[in-house]
Amino acid sequence: MNLQQLDHLLALAETGSFSRASEKVHLTQPALSRSIQMLEQELGMQLVDRVGKRNELTPFGAMVLARAKRISTETHELRRAAALLADGQAGVVRLGLGAAPGALFSSPLLIHMLRNHPRVGLQLHGGGPELQLAALRARTLDALVLTYRAVSPREDLHIDVLPTLRSGFVCRRGHPLLASRRGKPVRFDELVRYPVVSTMVSDDVARILVERYGSDASPQRWLHVSSEDIGALIEAVRNTDAVFLGVLAATRALQDSGDLAELEVEPAAGLSAQFAFVTLEGRTEAPALRLVREFCVGLAKAGADQSDA
């Protein structure tokens, strides 16, 4: 038994005639008759009563027809689903996001997918790098966007490094530092008179700050609040005199609206951040995941271009 034989039975039931059914499925009448006979032989019962020029389904044939209709519908839906998946218009993407990548990518990615690919399901998951890497290996996540330094190269990981993004200090538009300096760069010792908030500061960033500004620039001396929730940190900076240290692209929209402003520090720290799009090596990438990857790469590139401007 095959799907083609069931389609032949459907055509015969719909037209009531071997000649019209053969035209419908683009077969000769003898070929269609042989197809129905082979199906009857395989099932071991007669499906069609041939009474003169009339062809009527037997009771067993009517039962087979009902099931054939369901199978045909499911087959067509399966083909359609496969076509949508191949075209990236359906499916579910389970994406793990680190704290800093989450602040930068979550909202733009959700808006992009809902506007342009509404049939694709998107699940965003947080958590620490080790837990997310374990979930990726367990195949409960399809991909991760993490801070590059948090990912150790392994044979089973495919790591795409995204464009480098500039990091810096940001405060609210009416901050006393902006008013007192009147557009001039601030010194680091002036900046840290105010609460500074950030995610956990890496050893690399701490070393750069100490090299630029001296031993007093060690994060243990000035970091007031640390959190993996960058959105909460930025909201606190919007409403207090705290200063945010982090990826500038995460604050771009609020800088553009005038709520926040970057603080120029002299000498410049030259801080930057780099993220990575991580998948399992050798695992076939679904078209929907490719759409997510391409968007993340494009967004990071746009952020890097804005930082260079």
C-alpha atoms as a PDB file:
ATOM      1  CA  MET A   1       0.000   0.000   0.000  1.00  0.00           C
ATOM      2  CA  ASN A   2       1.234   3.476  -0.825  1.00  0.00           C
ATOM      3  CA  LEU A   3      -0.070   7.034  -0.801  1.00  0.00           C
ATOM      4  CA  GLN A   4      -0.519   7.023  -4.555  1.00  0.00           C
ATOM      5  CA  GLN A   5      -2.956   4.098  -4.364  1.00  0.00           C
ATOM      6  CA  LEU A   6      -4.983   5.913  -1.724  1.00  0.00           C
ATOM      7  CA  ASP A   7      -5.089   9.013  -3.944  1.00  0.00           C
ATOM      8  CA  HIS A   8      -6.407   6.836  -6.763  1.00  0.00           C
ATOM      9  CA  LEU A   9      -9.179   5.520  -4.505  1.00  0.00           C
ATOM     10  CA  LEU A  10     -10.066   9.094  -3.499  1.00  0.00           C
ATOM     11  CA  ALA A  11     -10.295  10.149  -7.145  1.00  0.00           C
ATOM     12  CA  LEU A  12     -12.531   7.177  -7.974  1.00  0.00           C
ATOM     13  CA  ALA A  13     -14.836   7.901  -5.046  1.00  0.00           C
ATOM     14  CA  GLU A  14     -15.026  11.578  -5.988  1.00  0.00           C
ATOM     15  CA  THR A  15     -15.785  11.026  -9.693  1.00  0.00           C
ATOM     16  CA  GLY A  16     -17.665   7.700  -9.512  1.00  0.00           C
ATOM     17  CA  SER A  17     -16.027   6.674 -12.756  1.00  0.00           C
ATOM     18  CA  PHE A  18     -12.767   4.947 -13.668  1.00  0.00           C
ATOM     19  CA  SER A  19     -12.472   6.990 -16.844  1.00  0.00           C
ATOM     20  CA  ARG A  20     -12.974  10.362 -15.124  1.00  0.00           C
ATOM     21  CA  ALA A  21     -10.785   9.319 -12.196  1.00  0.00           C
ATOM     22  CA  SER A  22      -7.972   8.301 -14.565  1.00  0.00           C
ATOM     23  CA  GLU A  23      -8.140  11.745 -16.190  1.00  0.00           C
ATOM     24  CA  LYS A  24      -8.026  13.397 -12.774  1.00  0.00           C
ATOM     25  CA  VAL A  25      -4.843  11.582 -11.694  1.00  0.00           C
ATOM     26  CA  HIS A  26      -3.299  11.617 -15.203  1.00  0.00           C
ATOM     27  CA  LEU A  27      -3.250   7.844 -15.698  1.00  0.00           C
ATOM     28  CA  THR A  28      -4.668   5.528 -18.310  1.00  0.00           C
ATOM     29  CA  GLN A  29      -7.847   3.769 -17.250  1.00  0.00           C
ATOM     30  CA  PRO A  30      -6.204   0.295 -17.231  1.00  0.00           C
ATOM     31  CA  ALA A  31      -3.371   1.616 -15.027  1.00  0.00           C
ATOM     32  CA  LEU A  32      -5.866   3.080 -12.555  1.00  0.00           C
ATOM     33  CA  SER A  33      -7.825  -0.174 -12.481  1.00  0.00           C
ATOM     34  CA  ARG A  34      -4.629  -2.130 -11.748  1.00  0.00           C
ATOM     35  CA  SER A  35      -3.768   0.275  -8.919  1.00  0.00           C
ATOM     36  CA  ILE A  36      -7.179  -0.236  -7.266  1.00  0.00           C
ATOM     37  CA  GLN A  37      -6.966  -4.002  -7.755  1.00  0.00           C
ATOM     38  CA  MET A  38      -3.495  -4.131  -6.154  1.00  0.00           C
ATOM     39  CA  LEU A  39      -4.838  -2.170  -3.167  1.00  0.00           C
ATOM     40  CA  GLU A  40      -7.734  -4.618  -2.844  1.00  0.00           C
ATOM     41  CA  GLN A  41      -5.358  -7.573  -3.010  1.00  0.00           C
ATOM     42  CA  GLU A  42      -3.123  -6.105  -0.324  1.00  0.00           C
ATOM     43  CA  LEU A  43      -6.043  -5.366   2.004  1.00  0.00           C
ATOM     44  CA  GLY A  44      -7.652  -8.742   1.220  1.00  0.00           C
ATOM     45  CA  MET A  45     -11.141  -7.323   0.588  1.00  0.00           C
ATOM     46  CA  GLN A  46     -13.028  -5.756  -2.275  1.00  0.00           C
ATOM     47  CA  LEU A  47     -13.242  -1.955  -2.172  1.00  0.00           C
ATOM     48  CA  VAL A  48     -15.421  -1.256  -5.233  1.00  0.00           C
ATOM     49  CA  ASP A  49     -18.548  -2.934  -6.573  1.00  0.00           C
ATOM     50  CA  ARG A  50     -18.425  -2.740 -10.345  1.00  0.00           C
ATOM     51  CA  VAL A  51     -22.095  -2.878 -11.395  1.00  0.00           C
ATOM     52  CA  GLY A  52     -22.309  -2.206 -15.116  1.00  0.00           C
ATOM     53  CA  LYS A  53     -21.195   1.374 -15.656  1.00  0.00           C
ATOM     54  CA  ARG A  54     -21.703   2.186 -12.006  1.00  0.00           C
ATOM     55  CA  ASN A  55     -18.890   1.928  -9.452  1.00  0.00           C
ATOM     56  CA  GLU A  56     -19.886   1.967  -5.810  1.00  0.00           C
ATOM     57  CA  LEU A  57     -17.742   1.587  -2.730  1.00  0.00           C
ATOM     58  CA  THR A  58     -18.327  -1.496  -0.633  1.00  0.00           C
ATOM     59  CA  PRO A  59     -18.884  -0.944   3.121  1.00  0.00           C
ATOM     60  CA  PHE A  60     -15.206  -1.835   3.641  1.00  0.00           C
ATOM     61  CA  GLY A  61     -14.270   0.521   0.799  1.00  0.00           C
ATOM     62  CA  ALA A  62     -16.183   3.338   2.517  1.00  0.00           C
ATOM     63  CA  MET A  63     -14.205   2.739   5.725  1.00  0.00           C
ATOM     64  CA  VAL A  64     -10.904   2.741   3.805  1.00  0.00           C
ATOM     65  CA  LEU A  65     -11.981   5.926   2.018  1.00  0.00           C
ATOM     66  CA  ALA A  66     -12.585   7.738   5.316  1.00  0.00           C
ATOM     67  CA  ARG A  67      -9.129   6.827   6.533  1.00  0.00           C
ATOM     68  CA  ALA A  68      -7.566   7.625   3.159  1.00  0.00           C
ATOM     69  CA  LYS A  69      -9.010  11.151   3.397  1.00  0.00           C
ATOM     70  CA  ARG A  70      -7.403  11.658   6.801  1.00  0.00           C
ATOM     71  CA  ILE A  71      -4.082  10.274   5.579  1.00  0.00           C
ATOM     72  CA  SER A  72      -4.202  12.485   2.484  1.00  0.00           C
ATOM     73  CA  THR A  73      -4.923  15.566   4.585  1.00  0.00           C
ATOM     74  CA  GLU A  74      -2.082  14.767   6.979  1.00  0.00           C
ATOM     75  CA  THR A  75       0.270  14.117   4.061  1.00  0.00           C
ATOM     76  CA  HIS A  76      -0.488  17.452   2.452  1.00  0.00           C
ATOM     77  CA  GLU A  77      -0.095  19.232   5.807  1.00  0.00           C
ATOM     78  CA  LEU A  78       3.218  17.446   6.372  1.00  0.00           C
ATOM     79  CA  ARG A  79       4.481  18.569   2.976  1.00  0.00           C
ATOM     80  CA  ARG A  80       3.311  22.101   3.674  1.00  0.00           C
ATOM     81  CA  ALA A  81       4.970  22.112   7.099  1.00  0.00           C
ATOM     82  CA  ALA A  82       8.206  20.827   5.557  1.00  0.00           C
ATOM     83  CA  ALA A  83       8.079  23.593   2.960  1.00  0.00           C
ATOM     84  CA  LEU A  84       7.471  26.230   5.635  1.00  0.00           C
ATOM     85  CA  LEU A  85      10.311  24.883   7.759  1.00  0.00           C
ATOM     86  CA  ALA A  86      12.636  24.798   4.768  1.00  0.00           C
ATOM     87  CA  ASP A  87      11.722  28.403   4.048  1.00  0.00           C
ATOM     88  CA  GLY A  88      12.186  29.436   7.685  1.00  0.00           C
ATOM     89  CA  GLN A  89       8.518  30.345   8.120  1.00  0.00           C
ATOM     90  CA  ALA A  90       7.717  27.868  10.897  1.00  0.00           C
ATOM     91  CA  GLY A  91       9.295  25.920  13.711  1.00  0.00           C
ATOM     92  CA  VAL A  92      10.455  26.799  17.211  1.00  0.00           C
ATOM     93  CA  VAL A  93      13.821  28.292  18.171  1.00  0.00           C
ATOM     94  CA  ARG A  94      14.989  27.880  21.786  1.00  0.00           C
ATOM     95  CA  LEU A  95      17.650  30.502  22.403  1.00  0.00           C
ATOM     96  CA  GLY A  96      19.717  30.932  25.543  1.00  0.00           C
ATOM     97  CA  LEU A  97      20.902  34.461  26.316  1.00  0.00           C
ATOM     98  CA  GLY A  98      23.524  35.634  28.775  1.00  0.00           C
ATOM     99  CA  ALA A  99      22.863  38.751  30.846  1.00  0.00           C
ATOM    100  CA  ALA A 100      24.559  41.321  28.613  1.00  0.00           C
ATOM    101  CA  PRO A 101      23.433  39.722  25.318  1.00  0.00           C
ATOM    102  CA  GLY A 102      19.902  39.504  26.724  1.00  0.00           C
ATOM    103  CA  ALA A 103      19.805  43.263  27.310  1.00  0.00           C
ATOM    104  CA  LEU A 104      21.001  43.937  23.782  1.00  0.00           C
ATOM    105  CA  PHE A 105      19.202  41.259  21.743  1.00  0.00           C
ATOM    106  CA  SER A 106      15.945  40.281  23.510  1.00  0.00           C
ATOM    107  CA  SER A 107      13.594  43.129  22.614  1.00  0.00           C
ATOM    108  CA  PRO A 108      14.851  43.784  19.051  1.00  0.00           C
ATOM    109  CA  LEU A 109      14.812  40.056  18.280  1.00  0.00           C
ATOM    110  CA  LEU A 110      11.263  39.595  19.585  1.00  0.00           C
ATOM    111  CA  ILE A 111      10.012  42.585  17.580  1.00  0.00           C
ATOM    112  CA  HIS A 112      11.807  41.408  14.421  1.00  0.00           C
ATOM    113  CA  MET A 113      10.463  37.852  14.614  1.00  0.00           C
ATOM    114  CA  LEU A 114       6.887  38.907  15.428  1.00  0.00           C
ATOM    115  CA  ARG A 115       6.842  41.402  12.572  1.00  0.00           C
ATOM    116  CA  ASN A 116       8.621  39.382   9.905  1.00  0.00           C
ATOM    117  CA  HIS A 117       8.295  35.725  10.898  1.00  0.00           C
ATOM    118  CA  PRO A 118       5.159  35.418  13.067  1.00  0.00           C
ATOM    119  CA  ARG A 119       4.808  31.678  12.386  1.00  0.00           C
ATOM    120  CA  VAL A 120       8.178  30.949  14.004  1.00  0.00           C
ATOM    121  CA  GLY A 121       7.998  30.193  17.727  1.00  0.00           C
ATOM    122  CA  LEU A 122      10.718  31.814  19.825  1.00  0.00           C
ATOM    123  CA  GLN A 123      11.649  30.784  23.368  1.00  0.00           C
ATOM    124  CA  LEU A 124      14.232  32.910  25.196  1.00  0.00           C
ATOM    125  CA  HIS A 125      15.997  31.454  28.228  1.00  0.00           C
ATOM    126  CA  GLY A 126      18.325  33.071  30.750  1.00  0.00           C
ATOM    127  CA  GLY A 127      20.811  31.573  33.172  1.00  0.00           C
ATOM    128  CA  GLY A 128      24.513  31.300  33.788  1.00  0.00           C
ATOM    129  CA  PRO A 129      26.902  30.192  31.013  1.00  0.00           C
ATOM    130  CA  GLU A 130      27.591  26.749  32.480  1.00  0.00           C
ATOM    131  CA  LEU A 131      23.892  25.921  32.840  1.00  0.00           C
ATOM    132  CA  GLN A 132      23.156  27.164  29.343  1.00  0.00           C
ATOM    133  CA  LEU A 133      26.019  25.200  27.806  1.00  0.00           C
ATOM    134  CA  ALA A 134      24.732  22.087  29.601  1.00  0.00           C
ATOM    135  CA  ALA A 135      21.237  22.727  28.174  1.00  0.00           C
ATOM    136  CA  LEU A 136      22.714  23.162  24.686  1.00  0.00           C
ATOM    137  CA  ARG A 137      24.524  19.841  24.973  1.00  0.00           C
ATOM    138  CA  ALA A 138      21.326  18.207  26.276  1.00  0.00           C
ATOM    139  CA  ARG A 139      19.554  19.664  23.201  1.00  0.00           C
ATOM    140  CA  THR A 140      16.984  21.520  25.270  1.00  0.00           C
ATOM    141  CA  LEU A 141      18.374  24.720  23.736  1.00  0.00           C
ATOM    142  CA  ASP A 142      19.163  25.192  20.046  1.00  0.00           C
ATOM    143  CA  ALA A 143      21.708  28.005  20.365  1.00  0.00           C
ATOM    144  CA  LEU A 144      23.238  30.451  22.825  1.00  0.00           C
ATOM    145  CA  VAL A 145      24.383  34.054  22.711  1.00  0.00           C
ATOM    146  CA  LEU A 146      26.975  34.516  25.429  1.00  0.00           C
ATOM    147  CA  THR A 147      29.829  36.809  26.315  1.00  0.00           C
ATOM    148  CA  TYR A 148      32.720  35.395  24.297  1.00  0.00           C
ATOM    149  CA  ARG A 149      35.097  35.177  27.249  1.00  0.00           C
ATOM    150  CA  ALA A 150      32.567  32.944  29.062  1.00  0.00           C
ATOM    151  CA  VAL A 151      32.835  30.227  26.394  1.00  0.00           C
ATOM    152  CA  SER A 152      35.789  27.862  26.453  1.00  0.00           C
ATOM    153  CA  PRO A 153      36.505  26.345  23.020  1.00  0.00           C
ATOM    154  CA  ARG A 154      35.506  22.685  22.883  1.00  0.00           C
ATOM    155  CA  GLU A 155      35.365  20.181  20.031  1.00  0.00           C
ATOM    156  CA  ASP A 156      31.593  19.811  20.321  1.00  0.00           C
ATOM    157  CA  LEU A 157      30.896  23.578  20.101  1.00  0.00           C
ATOM    158  CA  HIS A 158      30.583  25.724  17.003  1.00  0.00           C
ATOM    159  CA  ILE A 159      31.402  29.307  18.039  1.00  0.00           C
ATOM    160  CA  ASP A 160      30.684  32.303  15.809  1.00  0.00           C
ATOM    161  CA  VAL A 161      32.278  35.414  17.268  1.00  0.00           C
ATOM    162  CA  LEU A 162      30.108  38.512  16.775  1.00  0.00           C
ATOM    163  CA  PRO A 163      31.499  41.999  16.034  1.00  0.00           C
ATOM    164  CA  THR A 164      33.167  43.812  18.924  1.00  0.00           C
ATOM    165  CA  LEU A 165      30.987  46.340  20.765  1.00  0.00           C
ATOM    166  CA  ARG A 166      32.268  49.335  22.659  1.00  0.00           C
ATOM    167  CA  SER A 167      31.619  49.565  26.397  1.00  0.00           C
ATOM    168  CA  GLY A 168      31.590  52.705  28.508  1.00  0.00           C
ATOM    169  CA  PHE A 169      29.938  54.769  31.226  1.00  0.00           C
ATOM    170  CA  VAL A 170      26.376  56.094  30.941  1.00  0.00           C
ATOM    171  CA  CYS A 171      24.302  58.360  33.185  1.00  0.00           C
ATOM    172  CA  ARG A 172      20.933  60.106  33.073  1.00  0.00           C
ATOM    173  CA  ARG A 173      20.703  63.230  30.938  1.00  0.00           C
ATOM    174  CA  GLY A 174      20.418  65.623  33.908  1.00  0.00           C
ATOM    175  CA  HIS A 175      23.245  64.069  35.911  1.00  0.00           C
ATOM    176  CA  PRO A 176      25.395  66.492  38.002  1.00  0.00           C
ATOM    177  CA  LEU A 177      28.533  65.316  36.200  1.00  0.00           C
ATOM    178  CA  LEU A 178      27.144  66.502  32.880  1.00  0.00           C
ATOM    179  CA  ALA A 179      26.119  69.834  34.361  1.00  0.00           C
ATOM    180  CA  SER A 180      29.408  70.498  36.155  1.00  0.00           C
ATOM    181  CA  ARG A 181      31.688  69.444  33.302  1.00  0.00           C
ATOM    182  CA  ARG A 182      29.626  71.135  30.566  1.00  0.00           C
ATOM    183  CA  GLY A 183      30.556  68.635  27.896  1.00  0.00           C
ATOM    184  CA  LYS A 184      34.172  68.218  28.970  1.00  0.00           C
ATOM    185  CA  PRO A 185      35.544  64.728  29.796  1.00  0.00           C
ATOM    186  CA  VAL A 186      35.349  63.649  33.432  1.00  0.00           C
ATOM    187  CA  ARG A 187      38.146  62.104  35.463  1.00  0.00           C
ATOM    188  CA  PHE A 188      37.683  58.600  36.801  1.00  0.00           C
ATOM    189  CA  ASP A 189      37.999  59.787  40.397  1.00  0.00           C
ATOM    190  CA  GLU A 190      35.139  62.239  39.782  1.00  0.00           C
ATOM    191  CA  LEU A 191      32.969  59.536  38.223  1.00  0.00           C
ATOM    192  CA  VAL A 192      33.319  57.087  41.110  1.00  0.00           C
ATOM    193  CA  ARG A 193      32.076  59.651  43.630  1.00  0.00           C
ATOM    194  CA  TYR A 194      28.685  58.445  42.389  1.00  0.00           C
ATOM    195  CA  PRO A 195      27.354  54.876  42.638  1.00  0.00           C
ATOM    196  CA  VAL A 196      28.516  52.739  39.714  1.00  0.00           C
ATOM    197  CA  VAL A 197      26.398  49.759  38.641  1.00  0.00           C
ATOM    198  CA  SER A 198      27.292  46.966  36.261  1.00  0.00           C
ATOM    199  CA  THR A 199      27.185  43.254  35.695  1.00  0.00           C
ATOM    200  CA  MET A 200      30.007  41.279  37.274  1.00  0.00           C
ATOM    201  CA  VAL A 201      33.180  42.991  36.055  1.00  0.00           C
ATOM    202  CA  SER A 202      35.561  40.532  34.393  1.00  0.00           C
ATOM    203  CA  ASP A 203      39.212  40.234  35.335  1.00  0.00           C
ATOM    204  CA  ASP A 204      40.160  41.616  31.910  1.00  0.00           C
ATOM    205  CA  VAL A 205      38.092  44.776  32.422  1.00  0.00           C
ATOM    206  CA  ALA A 206      39.376  45.188  35.988  1.00  0.00           C
ATOM    207  CA  ARG A 207      42.971  44.943  34.770  1.00  0.00           C
ATOM    208  CA  ILE A 208      42.397  47.554  32.047  1.00  0.00           C
ATOM    209  CA  LEU A 209      40.808  49.981  34.516  1.00  0.00           C
ATOM    210  CA  VAL A 210      43.679  49.619  36.999  1.00  0.00           C
ATOM    211  CA  GLU A 211      46.206  50.125  34.190  1.00  0.00           C
ATOM    212  CA  ARG A 212      44.407  53.300  33.044  1.00  0.00           C
ATOM    213  CA  TYR A 213      43.435  54.885  36.340  1.00  0.00           C
ATOM    214  CA  GLY A 214      45.584  53.321  39.068  1.00  0.00           C
ATOM    215  CA  SER A 215      44.953  50.951  41.959  1.00  0.00           C
ATOM    216  CA  ASP A 216      41.901  52.926  43.131  1.00  0.00           C
ATOM    217  CA  ALA A 217      40.130  51.817  39.949  1.00  0.00           C
ATOM    218  CA  SER A 218      39.855  48.220  41.206  1.00  0.00           C
ATOM    219  CA  PRO A 219      36.131  47.283  41.002  1.00  0.00           C
ATOM    220  CA  GLN A 220      36.045  46.265  44.662  1.00  0.00           C
ATOM    221  CA  ARG A 221      36.529  49.936  45.515  1.00  0.00           C
ATOM    222  CA  TRP A 222      33.799  51.505  43.373  1.00  0.00           C
ATOM    223  CA  LEU A 223      31.235  48.906  42.208  1.00  0.00           C
ATOM    224  CA  HIS A 224      28.090  49.579  44.276  1.00  0.00           C
ATOM    225  CA  VAL A 225      25.588  47.261  42.606  1.00  0.00           C
ATOM    226  CA  SER A 226      26.122  44.260  40.337  1.00  0.00           C
ATOM    227  CA  SER A 227      23.340  42.315  38.685  1.00  0.00           C
ATOM    228  CA  GLU A 228      22.744  40.033  35.720  1.00  0.00           C
ATOM    229  CA  ASP A 229      19.554  42.006  35.030  1.00  0.00           C
ATOM    230  CA  ILE A 230      20.910  44.815  32.867  1.00  0.00           C
ATOM    231  CA  GLY A 231      17.418  46.166  32.251  1.00  0.00           C
ATOM    232  CA  ALA A 232      17.033  46.792  35.994  1.00  0.00           C
ATOM    233  CA  LEU A 233      20.458  48.447  36.167  1.00  0.00           C
ATOM    234  CA  ILE A 234      19.649  50.783  33.293  1.00  0.00           C
ATOM    235  CA  GLU A 235      16.269  51.675  34.803  1.00  0.00           C
ATOM    236  CA  ALA A 236      18.024  52.538  38.081  1.00  0.00           C
ATOM    237  CA  VAL A 237      20.436  54.806  36.224  1.00  0.00           C
ATOM    238  CA  ARG A 238      17.501  56.532  34.509  1.00  0.00           C
ATOM    239  CA  ASN A 239      16.025  57.458  37.868  1.00  0.00           C
ATOM    240  CA  THR A 240      19.071  58.112  40.096  1.00  0.00           C
ATOM    241  CA  ASP A 241      22.574  59.579  39.963  1.00  0.00           C
ATOM    242  CA  ALA A 242      24.088  56.114  39.529  1.00  0.00           C
ATOM    243  CA  VAL A 243      26.390  55.511  36.559  1.00  0.00           C
ATOM    244  CA  PHE A 244      26.136  52.413  34.376  1.00  0.00           C
ATOM    245  CA  LEU A 245      29.225  50.595  33.087  1.00  0.00           C
ATOM    246  CA  GLY A 246      28.525  48.206  30.255  1.00  0.00           C
ATOM    247  CA  VAL A 247      27.885  47.684  26.558  1.00  0.00           C
ATOM    248  CA  LEU A 248      26.826  51.021  25.096  1.00  0.00           C
ATOM    249  CA  ALA A 249      24.591  49.386  22.498  1.00  0.00           C
ATOM    250  CA  ALA A 250      22.321  48.180  25.328  1.00  0.00           C
ATOM    251  CA  THR A 251      21.550  51.839  26.138  1.00  0.00           C
ATOM    252  CA  ARG A 252      21.357  53.086  22.539  1.00  0.00           C
ATOM    253  CA  ALA A 253      17.581  53.567  22.392  1.00  0.00           C
ATOM    254  CA  LEU A 254      17.539  55.580  25.638  1.00  0.00           C
ATOM    255  CA  GLN A 255      20.495  57.641  24.456  1.00  0.00           C
ATOM    256  CA  ASP A 256      18.676  58.369  21.199  1.00  0.00           C
ATOM    257  CA  SER A 257      15.550  59.416  23.126  1.00  0.00           C
ATOM    258  CA  GLY A 258      17.590  61.737  25.330  1.00  0.00           C
ATOM    259  CA  ASP A 259      16.997  59.884  28.597  1.00  0.00           C
ATOM    260  CA  LEU A 260      20.613  58.748  28.941  1.00  0.00           C
ATOM    261  CA  ALA A 261      23.979  60.096  27.869  1.00  0.00           C
ATOM    262  CA  GLU A 262      27.459  58.621  27.587  1.00  0.00           C
ATOM    263  CA  LEU A 263      30.080  60.031  29.923  1.00  0.00           C
ATOM    264  CA  GLU A 264      33.376  60.748  28.225  1.00  0.00           C
ATOM    265  CA  VAL A 265      36.180  59.763  30.591  1.00  0.00           C
ATOM    266  CA  GLU A 266      39.735  61.095  30.334  1.00  0.00           C
ATOM    267  CA  PRO A 267      41.871  59.213  29.599  1.00  0.00           C
ATOM    268  CA  ALA A 268      39.552  56.883  27.672  1.00  0.00           C
ATOM    269  CA  ALA A 269      39.384  53.376  29.057  1.00  0.00           C
ATOM    270  CA  GLY A 270      39.009  51.751  25.632  1.00  0.00           C
ATOM    271  CA  LEU A 271      36.674  49.071  26.967  1.00  0.00           C
ATOM    272  CA  SER A 272      34.831  46.680  24.687  1.00  0.00           C
ATOM    273  CA  ALA A 273      32.681  43.554  24.780  1.00  0.00           C
ATOM    274  CA  GLN A 274      32.340  40.654  22.397  1.00  0.00           C
ATOM    275  CA  PHE A 275      29.582  38.084  22.182  1.00  0.00           C
ATOM    276  CA  ALA A 276      29.449  34.670  20.546  1.00  0.00           C
ATOM    277  CA  PHE A 277      26.649  32.719  18.863  1.00  0.00           C
ATOM    278  CA  VAL A 278      27.144  29.132  20.029  1.00  0.00           C
ATOM    279  CA  THR A 279      25.650  25.951  18.581  1.00  0.00           C
ATOM    280  CA  LEU A 280      26.585  22.267  18.659  1.00  0.00           C
ATOM    281  CA  GLU A 281      29.178  21.242  16.113  1.00  0.00           C
ATOM    282  CA  GLY A 282      27.771  18.996  13.394  1.00  0.00           C
ATOM    283  CA  ARG A 283      24.130  19.607  14.282  1.00  0.00           C
ATOM    284  CA  THR A 284      21.929  20.485  11.319  1.00  0.00           C
ATOM    285  CA  GLU A 285      20.772  24.088  11.577  1.00  0.00           C
ATOM    286  CA  ALA A 286      17.041  24.633  11.089  1.00  0.00           C
ATOM    287  CA  PRO A 287      16.139  27.472   8.699  1.00  0.00           C
ATOM    288  CA  ALA A 288      14.317  29.299  11.518  1.00  0.00           C
ATOM    289  CA  LEU A 289      17.499  29.223  13.609  1.00  0.00           C
ATOM    290  CA  ARG A 290      19.412  30.641  10.660  1.00  0.00           C
ATOM    291  CA  LEU A 291      17.010  33.603  10.660  1.00  0.00           C
ATOM    292  CA  VAL A 292      17.733  34.214  14.357  1.00  0.00           C
ATOM    293  CA  ARG A 293      21.488  33.905  13.822  1.00  0.00           C
ATOM    294  CA  GLU A 294      21.469  36.334  10.901  1.00  0.00           C
ATOM    295  CA  PHE A 295      19.487  38.885  12.908  1.00  0.00           C
ATOM    296  CA  CYS A 296      21.846  38.658  15.904  1.00  0.00           C
ATOM    297  CA  VAL A 297      24.906  39.061  13.677  1.00  0.00           C
ATOM    298  CA  GLY A 298      23.315  42.030  11.921  1.00  0.00           C
ATOM    299  CA  LEU A 299      22.311  43.691  15.187  1.00  0.00           C
ATOM    300  CA  ALA A 300      25.815  43.281  16.644  1.00  0.00           C
ATOM    301  CA  LYS A 301      27.317  44.682  13.441  1.00  0.00           C
ATOM    302  CA  ALA A 302      24.971  47.675  13.569  1.00  0.00           C
ATOM    303  CA  GLY A 303      25.964  48.279  17.197  1.00  0.00           C
ATOM    304  CA  ALA A 304      29.638  48.060  16.277  1.00  0.00           C
ATOM    305  CA  ASP A 305      29.161  50.482  13.394  1.00  0.00           C
ATOM    306  CA  GLN A 306      27.390  52.961  15.691  1.00  0.00           C
ATOM    307  CA  SER A 307      30.240  52.658  18.206  1.00  0.00           C
ATOM    308  CA  ASP A 308      32.775  53.430  15.486  1.00  0.00           C
ATOM    309  CA  ALA A 309      30.818  56.398  14.185  1.00  0.00           C
END
